[in-house]
Amino acid sequence: MQNKFKIINDPVHGFIKIPHEILFDIIEHPYFQRLRRIGQTGLLNLIFPGATHTRFHHAIGAMHLMFTAIETLKQKGISISVEEEKAAMLAILMHDIGHGPFSHALESMLMDDWHHENLSLLLMSRLNDEFNGELTLALQMFQGKYHRKFFNQLISSQLDVDRLDYLKRDSFFTGVSEGNINTERIVSMMNVCDEGELVIDAKGIYSIENFLTARMFMYWQVYYHKTSALAEFLLVKILERAKYVISKGIDLPATENLRYFLYRGKSEATDEDILRFTQLDDNDIIQAMKLWQNSEDFILSYFCKCVIQRNLPKTIISSQAFGQDFIDEKIENTNIFFGINNGDDLVHEITRKLLPYDTEKQPINLLQKNGKKIRLDQSQDQLLSGLLNTKTKRFILTFPREISGLKS
C-alpha cells in the first residue's frame, strides 16, 4: 500500500506535511498535476528572471498556511473537527485548479469570460463525484455556504491564506524584498470572535499594516510594473489576433487543444470544453507563439516576436491619461515606419488601478483585549490603514520600439 503521508520541501515555507490521504489523492490527480505547467506569474520572468514558479507551488504553500492557521485557532480554544480541517485544506488546495494558461491573462480570450473561480468550482464538483462526495464540505466552504464564516474568510478575503502565500512566494522568486511579509506572525495573530468570523488579535495590527503595504508595493513594483502589464496585454492581443486571422479563413498551426479553442464559437461550457481545457497549459501558448512568429499576418508575427525574442515594445507610464494627439502621432509614425495602414493595432493605452485596502468589502477586524472587535482603519493604533483606502490609477502607453526616436 502506498504511503500517502508525504513531506514536501518548499523553498518558501520549508517542510510541508500532507496530513490527510485525500489531500495526497487530489495532488496526484491530473487536474492538479496540470498546475505544474501553469506559471504563477504569467510572463513576469521576462522582467524578473527568477519568477518561474508555478500554480502547483502556490497551491501547496496555501494549503500549508491553512494547516498552520487551523493549528493556531485550535490552540486558542476554537473547536475545529478533523472533517472541517480536511475540508478547509482541500478547498484552498483546489482554489486555483481552474486556472488556464498564463493564469489571468487569457481567461477571457480562450474561455469566453469563464472566470477561473467558476472553472475551479466546476472541476471541484467533478472531482467530488469522482471521490464519492468526499469534497462536499470543501465545496461548501469554498462557496461561502458553510455556517462557520471564518473558513471561507481563510480561503477568500482581504487577509486569506491565498494572498499570504502568493505575496511571500512572488517576493521570494522575483527578489523584490518589499513584498516579503511575515506569514508566521500574521497567522499566529489570527483568531475567531463570537460571531464565528475571522479577526486579528489587536497586538498584530502592525503586521497587518505591513502586509497591506507590501501587497500595494508588489502590485505597483511587480504585477503592475509597466513591462509586466505590457507582457500580459501582449498575450491577450496575440490570442485576439490569432482568432481574427482564423476568422479570415487563414489557417494557423497550433496544438490540437489550442486549435479547438481558437476555432470554438461562443457558447456554454460543454463536456468537450472541460476535457480540452484540463489538457491545456502554458506550453501550448508558447509553442503557438514560436510558430506564429513566421505568420504572414504582420501584427500577429510582430507581437509573437516581441514576446519570444523579448524585444518588447516601448512603454511610458503616467498618472494621467495620454492625449489623443500624442497617441495619433505614435500611430502615424508606426504606419510610416512599417508601411502599413493599421498602426492603431500596435499602439495602445493600458490602464491599471488598485485599491490597496477596501474598508467596505470584508474589512479586517481587530479583536481587542476587552473582547470587542474594531475595524482596522478605525483603530487608534493604525498608522497606515487610513491612507490605503484610496484607489490609485496608472496609464501605460505602448508603441513599437522602432519609432521611439522618431519625431513627426
Protein backbone atom coordinates (compact mmCIF):
# COMPACT_ATOMS: atom_id res chain seq x y z
CA MET A 1 0.00 0.00 0.00
CA GLN A 2 1.28 3.44 -0.95
CA ASN A 3 2.36 5.81 1.83
CA LYS A 4 0.34 9.00 1.28
CA PHE A 5 1.65 10.98 4.27
CA LYS A 6 4.39 12.73 2.34
CA ILE A 7 6.58 15.70 3.21
CA ILE A 8 7.30 18.31 0.52
CA ASN A 9 10.39 20.54 0.71
CA ASP A 10 9.24 24.04 -0.23
CA PRO A 11 11.80 26.86 -0.72
CA VAL A 12 9.47 29.41 0.89
CA HIS A 13 7.89 27.62 3.87
CA GLY A 14 10.35 24.76 4.43
CA PHE A 15 8.94 21.28 5.01
CA ILE A 16 5.23 20.92 4.26
CA LYS A 17 3.28 17.95 5.63
CA ILE A 18 0.35 16.29 3.90
CA PRO A 19 -1.65 15.19 6.95
CA HIS A 20 -4.66 13.59 5.20
CA GLU A 21 -4.72 10.90 2.50
CA ILE A 22 -7.40 12.67 0.44
CA LEU A 23 -5.06 15.68 0.04
CA PHE A 24 -2.41 13.42 -1.47
CA ASP A 25 -5.02 11.86 -3.80
CA ILE A 26 -6.06 15.31 -5.08
CA ILE A 27 -2.43 16.38 -5.56
CA GLU A 28 -1.82 13.22 -7.63
CA HIS A 29 -4.87 13.84 -9.84
CA PRO A 30 -4.20 15.01 -13.46
CA TYR A 31 -6.33 18.14 -12.88
CA PHE A 32 -3.91 19.22 -10.14
CA GLN A 33 -0.71 18.00 -11.78
CA ARG A 34 -1.53 20.30 -14.72
CA LEU A 35 -0.77 23.23 -12.39
CA ARG A 36 2.93 22.27 -12.62
CA ARG A 37 2.74 23.55 -16.21
CA ILE A 38 0.89 26.79 -15.40
CA GLY A 39 3.11 29.68 -14.27
CA GLN A 40 2.07 31.55 -11.14
CA THR A 41 3.00 34.93 -12.61
CA GLY A 42 2.46 34.70 -16.38
CA LEU A 43 5.32 36.34 -18.30
CA LEU A 44 6.83 38.05 -15.24
CA ASN A 45 10.05 36.12 -15.81
CA LEU A 46 10.70 38.44 -18.78
CA ILE A 47 11.18 41.19 -16.20
CA PHE A 48 12.18 39.22 -13.08
CA PRO A 49 14.12 36.16 -14.36
CA GLY A 50 13.60 34.18 -11.14
CA ALA A 51 9.79 34.28 -11.41
CA THR A 52 9.40 30.83 -12.96
CA HIS A 53 7.40 29.26 -10.10
CA THR A 54 4.07 27.59 -10.77
CA ARG A 55 0.47 27.43 -9.57
CA PHE A 56 1.37 23.97 -8.22
CA HIS A 57 3.95 25.58 -5.87
CA HIS A 58 1.45 28.18 -4.73
CA ALA A 59 -1.46 25.80 -4.07
CA ILE A 60 0.72 23.54 -1.89
CA GLY A 61 2.01 26.60 0.01
CA ALA A 62 -1.50 27.94 0.59
CA MET A 63 -2.57 24.50 1.86
CA HIS A 64 0.33 24.60 4.35
CA LEU A 65 -0.67 28.05 5.62
CA MET A 66 -4.27 26.84 6.04
CA PHE A 67 -2.96 23.97 8.19
CA THR A 68 -0.89 26.33 10.38
CA ALA A 69 -3.83 28.77 10.68
CA ILE A 70 -6.11 25.96 11.85
CA GLU A 71 -3.47 24.78 14.36
CA THR A 72 -3.26 28.35 15.70
CA LEU A 73 -7.04 28.63 16.09
CA LYS A 74 -7.22 25.26 17.86
CA GLN A 75 -4.57 26.42 20.34
CA LYS A 76 -6.75 29.47 21.07
CA GLY A 77 -9.63 27.21 22.04
CA ILE A 78 -11.57 27.26 18.75
CA SER A 79 -13.18 23.86 18.21
CA ILE A 80 -12.35 22.52 14.73
CA SER A 81 -13.14 18.92 13.77
CA VAL A 82 -10.89 16.68 11.66
CA GLU A 83 -13.51 16.84 8.88
CA GLU A 84 -13.50 20.66 8.95
CA GLU A 85 -9.70 20.78 8.89
CA LYS A 86 -9.59 18.37 5.96
CA ALA A 87 -12.27 20.33 4.05
CA ALA A 88 -10.56 23.71 4.57
CA MET A 89 -7.24 22.31 3.37
CA LEU A 90 -8.91 20.70 0.35
CA ALA A 91 -10.74 23.93 -0.56
CA ILE A 92 -7.56 26.03 -0.57
CA LEU A 93 -5.56 23.29 -2.29
CA MET A 94 -8.04 23.31 -5.18
CA HIS A 95 -8.80 27.06 -5.28
CA ASP A 96 -6.71 27.60 -8.45
CA ILE A 97 -7.43 24.29 -10.17
CA GLY A 98 -9.44 26.13 -12.85
CA HIS A 99 -6.62 28.48 -13.92
CA GLY A 100 -5.90 28.50 -17.64
CA PRO A 101 -2.58 29.01 -19.43
CA PHE A 102 -0.65 32.05 -18.20
CA SER A 103 -3.18 32.46 -15.41
CA HIS A 104 -5.42 35.55 -15.58
CA ALA A 105 -4.27 36.97 -18.90
CA LEU A 106 -6.01 34.52 -21.22
CA GLU A 107 -9.15 33.62 -19.27
CA SER A 108 -11.44 35.84 -21.31
CA MET A 109 -9.76 35.15 -24.66
CA LEU A 110 -9.91 31.37 -24.57
CA MET A 111 -12.90 30.74 -22.40
CA ASP A 112 -15.49 33.47 -23.09
CA ASP A 113 -15.07 35.09 -19.68
CA TRP A 114 -15.39 31.85 -17.72
CA HIS A 115 -13.72 33.18 -14.60
CA HIS A 116 -11.13 30.80 -13.13
CA GLU A 117 -13.14 30.58 -9.88
CA ASN A 118 -16.16 29.28 -11.82
CA LEU A 119 -13.93 26.77 -13.59
CA SER A 120 -12.35 25.78 -10.27
CA LEU A 121 -15.83 25.17 -8.88
CA LEU A 122 -16.79 23.10 -11.92
CA LEU A 123 -13.64 20.95 -11.69
CA MET A 124 -14.03 20.60 -7.90
CA SER A 125 -17.59 19.33 -8.46
CA ARG A 126 -16.30 16.76 -10.94
CA LEU A 127 -13.62 15.66 -8.50
CA ASN A 128 -16.28 15.41 -5.79
CA ASP A 129 -18.22 12.96 -7.99
CA GLU A 130 -15.01 11.03 -8.62
CA PHE A 131 -14.22 10.83 -4.89
CA ASN A 132 -17.78 9.85 -3.90
CA GLY A 133 -18.75 13.09 -2.20
CA GLU A 134 -15.61 13.47 -0.04
CA LEU A 135 -15.21 17.09 -1.17
CA THR A 136 -18.77 18.23 -0.37
CA LEU A 137 -17.79 20.16 2.76
CA ALA A 138 -14.79 21.69 0.95
CA LEU A 139 -17.11 22.93 -1.80
CA GLN A 140 -19.45 24.49 0.77
CA MET A 141 -16.54 26.33 2.40
CA PHE A 142 -15.18 27.46 -0.97
CA GLN A 143 -18.57 28.94 -1.91
CA GLY A 144 -19.12 30.56 1.49
CA LYS A 145 -22.12 28.32 2.19
CA TYR A 146 -20.74 26.75 5.35
CA HIS A 147 -22.22 28.17 8.56
CA ARG A 148 -18.83 28.88 10.16
CA LYS A 149 -17.86 32.03 8.27
CA PHE A 150 -14.17 32.08 9.20
CA PHE A 151 -13.38 29.07 6.98
CA ASN A 152 -14.45 30.97 3.86
CA GLN A 153 -12.54 34.05 5.07
CA LEU A 154 -9.37 31.96 5.34
CA ILE A 155 -9.95 30.86 1.72
CA SER A 156 -11.08 34.18 0.24
CA SER A 157 -10.97 37.61 1.90
CA GLN A 158 -8.67 40.62 2.22
CA LEU A 159 -6.47 38.59 4.56
CA ASP A 160 -6.67 35.00 3.33
CA VAL A 161 -4.00 32.32 3.15
CA ASP A 162 -4.06 32.58 -0.67
CA ARG A 163 -2.74 36.17 -0.51
CA LEU A 164 -0.34 35.34 2.32
CA ASP A 165 1.27 32.65 0.20
CA TYR A 166 1.44 34.39 -3.16
CA LEU A 167 2.88 37.61 -1.74
CA LYS A 168 5.64 35.84 0.15
CA ARG A 169 6.27 33.41 -2.74
CA ASP A 170 6.28 36.04 -5.50
CA SER A 171 8.53 38.27 -3.40
CA PHE A 172 10.94 35.33 -2.92
CA PHE A 173 11.10 34.35 -6.60
CA THR A 174 11.18 37.88 -8.05
CA GLY A 175 13.73 39.05 -5.48
CA VAL A 176 11.57 42.08 -4.63
CA SER A 177 12.08 42.26 -0.87
CA GLU A 178 9.35 44.89 -0.30
CA GLY A 179 6.78 42.09 -0.63
CA ASN A 180 8.36 39.83 1.96
CA ILE A 181 5.71 39.51 4.68
CA ASN A 182 5.97 37.70 8.00
CA THR A 183 3.37 34.98 7.39
CA GLU A 184 4.17 33.17 10.65
CA ARG A 185 3.50 36.30 12.72
CA ILE A 186 0.26 37.09 10.84
CA VAL A 187 -1.05 33.52 11.14
CA SER A 188 -0.17 33.46 14.86
CA MET A 189 -2.33 36.57 15.35
CA MET A 190 -5.45 35.02 13.78
CA ASN A 191 -8.48 34.43 15.98
CA VAL A 192 -12.24 33.86 15.74
CA CYS A 193 -14.77 36.09 17.51
CA ASP A 194 -18.18 35.13 18.90
CA GLU A 195 -19.99 35.59 15.58
CA GLY A 196 -17.71 32.99 14.04
CA GLU A 197 -15.77 35.43 11.87
CA LEU A 198 -12.03 35.72 11.37
CA VAL A 199 -10.36 38.51 13.34
CA ILE A 200 -6.79 39.51 14.19
CA ASP A 201 -5.57 39.94 17.77
CA ALA A 202 -5.17 43.73 18.19
CA LYS A 203 -1.47 43.45 19.01
CA GLY A 204 -0.89 42.17 15.45
CA ILE A 205 -2.01 45.46 13.87
CA TYR A 206 1.41 46.48 12.53
CA SER A 207 1.99 43.08 10.93
CA ILE A 208 -1.33 43.55 9.12
CA GLU A 209 -0.45 47.08 8.03
CA ASN A 210 2.88 45.76 6.80
CA PHE A 211 1.01 43.07 4.84
CA LEU A 212 -1.28 45.65 3.19
CA THR A 213 1.59 47.97 2.24
CA ALA A 214 3.69 45.01 1.00
CA ARG A 215 0.76 43.98 -1.21
CA MET A 216 0.49 47.54 -2.59
CA PHE A 217 4.22 47.66 -3.35
CA MET A 218 4.10 44.24 -5.02
CA TYR A 219 1.27 45.38 -7.28
CA TRP A 220 2.96 48.57 -8.45
CA GLN A 221 6.51 47.21 -8.46
CA VAL A 222 5.82 43.72 -9.82
CA TYR A 223 2.32 42.80 -11.06
CA TYR A 224 1.53 46.27 -12.46
CA HIS A 225 5.11 47.13 -13.41
CA LYS A 226 4.76 48.77 -16.83
CA THR A 227 6.60 45.96 -18.63
CA SER A 228 4.64 43.29 -16.70
CA ALA A 229 1.38 44.98 -17.71
CA LEU A 230 2.63 45.10 -21.30
CA ALA A 231 3.60 41.42 -21.38
CA GLU A 232 0.17 40.37 -20.09
CA PHE A 233 -1.50 42.72 -22.58
CA LEU A 234 0.55 41.23 -25.46
CA LEU A 235 -0.65 37.70 -24.61
CA VAL A 236 -4.27 38.82 -24.86
CA LYS A 237 -3.60 40.69 -28.12
CA ILE A 238 -1.83 37.64 -29.62
CA LEU A 239 -4.80 35.35 -28.93
CA GLU A 240 -7.23 38.04 -30.08
CA ARG A 241 -5.29 38.48 -33.34
CA ALA A 242 -4.98 34.73 -33.87
CA LYS A 243 -8.78 34.40 -33.62
CA TYR A 244 -9.15 37.29 -36.09
CA VAL A 245 -6.71 35.71 -38.58
CA ILE A 246 -8.56 32.39 -38.37
CA SER A 247 -11.90 34.18 -38.92
CA LYS A 248 -10.44 35.41 -42.24
CA GLY A 249 -10.01 31.80 -43.34
CA ILE A 250 -6.24 31.65 -42.74
CA ASP A 251 -5.05 28.50 -41.00
CA LEU A 252 -2.67 28.81 -38.05
CA PRO A 253 -0.53 25.97 -36.70
CA ALA A 254 -1.24 25.12 -33.04
CA THR A 255 -1.52 22.13 -30.72
CA GLU A 256 -4.79 20.23 -31.05
CA ASN A 257 -6.27 21.55 -27.80
CA LEU A 258 -5.38 25.18 -28.52
CA ARG A 259 -6.79 24.87 -32.04
CA TYR A 260 -10.03 23.64 -30.52
CA PHE A 261 -10.43 26.88 -28.51
CA LEU A 262 -9.28 29.16 -31.34
CA TYR A 263 -11.95 27.75 -33.63
CA ARG A 264 -14.65 27.38 -30.97
CA GLY A 265 -17.57 29.82 -31.15
CA LYS A 266 -19.17 31.45 -28.11
CA SER A 267 -21.34 29.03 -26.15
CA GLU A 268 -21.98 27.49 -22.76
CA ALA A 269 -19.31 25.13 -21.47
CA THR A 270 -19.68 21.57 -22.76
CA ASP A 271 -18.08 18.30 -21.55
CA GLU A 272 -15.73 18.52 -24.54
CA ASP A 273 -14.69 22.06 -23.50
CA ILE A 274 -13.84 20.89 -19.98
CA LEU A 275 -11.89 17.89 -21.22
CA ARG A 276 -9.86 20.05 -23.62
CA PHE A 277 -9.33 22.78 -21.03
CA THR A 278 -7.84 20.38 -18.49
CA GLN A 279 -5.24 19.38 -21.09
CA LEU A 280 -4.23 22.95 -21.92
CA ASP A 281 -1.24 24.67 -20.29
CA ASP A 282 1.44 27.33 -20.85
CA ASN A 283 3.35 25.08 -23.25
CA ASP A 284 0.51 25.20 -25.81
CA ILE A 285 0.67 29.00 -25.89
CA ILE A 286 4.49 29.18 -26.02
CA GLN A 287 4.61 26.64 -28.86
CA ALA A 288 1.98 28.65 -30.78
CA MET A 289 3.85 31.95 -30.33
CA LYS A 290 7.08 30.35 -31.58
CA LEU A 291 5.28 29.16 -34.72
CA TRP A 292 3.26 32.34 -35.26
CA GLN A 293 6.43 34.47 -35.41
CA ASN A 294 6.50 33.36 -39.05
CA SER A 295 2.85 34.19 -39.74
CA GLU A 296 2.04 36.17 -42.89
CA ASP A 297 -0.11 38.41 -40.70
CA PHE A 298 2.21 41.27 -39.76
CA ILE A 299 0.53 42.18 -36.46
CA LEU A 300 0.45 38.58 -35.17
CA SER A 301 4.03 37.96 -36.26
CA TYR A 302 5.22 41.23 -34.71
CA PHE A 303 3.63 40.59 -31.31
CA CYS A 304 4.88 36.97 -31.15
CA LYS A 305 8.44 38.05 -31.96
CA CYS A 306 8.19 40.71 -29.23
CA VAL A 307 7.47 38.01 -26.61
CA ILE A 308 9.59 35.09 -27.84
CA GLN A 309 12.66 37.21 -28.63
CA ARG A 310 11.97 39.54 -25.69
CA ASN A 311 12.17 42.57 -27.92
CA LEU A 312 9.27 44.27 -26.21
CA PRO A 313 7.52 47.44 -27.40
CA LYS A 314 8.29 50.75 -25.70
CA THR A 315 6.17 51.81 -22.73
CA ILE A 316 5.57 55.14 -21.00
CA ILE A 317 3.75 55.26 -17.64
CA SER A 318 1.77 58.23 -16.35
CA SER A 319 -0.75 59.07 -13.63
CA GLN A 320 -2.75 60.98 -16.29
CA ALA A 321 -4.42 59.67 -19.44
CA PHE A 322 -2.44 60.31 -22.63
CA GLY A 323 -3.77 62.94 -25.02
CA GLN A 324 -5.35 61.74 -28.25
CA ASP A 325 -2.99 63.90 -30.34
CA PHE A 326 0.02 62.21 -28.74
CA ILE A 327 -1.47 58.75 -29.41
CA ASP A 328 -2.35 59.69 -33.01
CA GLU A 329 1.22 60.82 -33.59
CA LYS A 330 2.53 57.42 -32.46
CA ILE A 331 0.03 55.67 -34.77
CA GLU A 332 1.06 57.84 -37.73
CA ASN A 333 4.77 57.18 -37.11
CA THR A 334 4.04 53.45 -36.85
CA ASN A 335 2.22 53.47 -40.19
CA ILE A 336 5.06 55.36 -41.89
CA PHE A 337 7.86 53.24 -40.40
CA PHE A 338 6.31 49.86 -41.24
CA GLY A 339 4.50 50.91 -44.42
CA ILE A 340 1.12 49.80 -43.03
CA ASN A 341 -2.25 51.46 -42.51
CA ASN A 342 -3.33 49.72 -39.29
CA GLY A 343 -0.75 51.15 -36.89
CA ASP A 344 -3.52 51.57 -34.33
CA ASP A 345 -3.23 47.79 -33.77
CA LEU A 346 0.29 48.37 -32.42
CA VAL A 347 -0.36 51.45 -30.27
CA HIS A 348 -2.42 51.05 -27.10
CA GLU A 349 -3.18 52.72 -23.80
CA ILE A 350 -3.34 50.22 -20.92
CA THR A 351 -4.81 51.18 -17.54
CA ARG A 352 -4.13 49.65 -14.14
CA LYS A 353 -5.91 50.60 -10.92
CA LEU A 354 -5.54 49.40 -7.36
CA LEU A 355 -7.42 49.83 -4.10
CA PRO A 356 -4.89 48.51 -1.53
CA TYR A 357 -7.47 48.10 1.23
CA ASP A 358 -11.25 48.08 0.76
CA THR A 359 -12.85 49.25 4.02
CA GLU A 360 -16.31 48.08 2.87
CA LYS A 361 -15.70 44.65 1.32
CA GLN A 362 -14.91 42.17 4.09
CA PRO A 363 -12.92 44.63 6.24
CA ILE A 364 -10.20 43.28 8.52
CA ASN A 365 -11.34 43.38 12.15
CA LEU A 366 -9.15 43.52 15.22
CA LEU A 367 -10.04 41.70 18.45
CA GLN A 368 -9.30 43.90 21.45
CA LYS A 369 -8.38 42.68 24.93
CA ASN A 370 -11.89 43.50 26.19
CA GLY A 371 -13.31 41.01 23.65
CA LYS A 372 -14.77 43.68 21.37
CA LYS A 373 -13.85 43.94 17.71
CA ILE A 374 -12.94 47.09 15.83
CA ARG A 375 -12.28 47.73 12.14
CA LEU A 376 -8.61 48.05 11.26
CA ASP A 377 -8.99 51.51 9.69
CA GLN A 378 -10.87 52.78 12.77
CA SER A 379 -8.26 51.67 15.29
CA GLN A 380 -6.44 54.45 17.15
CA ASP A 381 -3.24 52.44 16.78
CA GLN A 382 -3.31 52.28 12.98
CA LEU A 383 -0.55 54.20 11.21
CA LEU A 384 -1.16 53.49 7.51
CA SER A 385 -4.55 51.83 7.00
CA GLY A 386 -6.32 55.19 6.68
CA LEU A 387 -4.04 56.03 3.74
CA LEU A 388 -4.54 52.70 1.95
CA ASN A 389 -8.24 53.05 1.15
CA THR A 390 -7.72 55.35 -1.84
CA LYS A 391 -7.80 53.95 -5.35
CA THR A 392 -4.75 54.72 -7.48
CA LYS A 393 -4.69 54.56 -11.27
CA ARG A 394 -1.88 54.47 -13.82
CA PHE A 395 -1.91 54.80 -17.61
CA ILE A 396 0.63 52.94 -19.75
CA LEU A 397 1.11 53.81 -23.43
CA THR A 398 2.74 51.13 -25.55
CA PHE A 399 4.04 51.56 -29.10
CA PRO A 400 6.72 49.95 -31.31
CA ARG A 401 10.25 50.46 -30.05
CA GLU A 402 11.34 51.13 -33.64
CA ILE A 403 9.54 54.51 -33.66
CA SER A 404 10.61 55.69 -30.19
CA GLY A 405 13.25 58.06 -31.63
CA LEU A 406 11.07 59.44 -34.43
CA LYS A 407 9.53 62.91 -34.40
CA SER A 408 6.55 63.70 -36.58
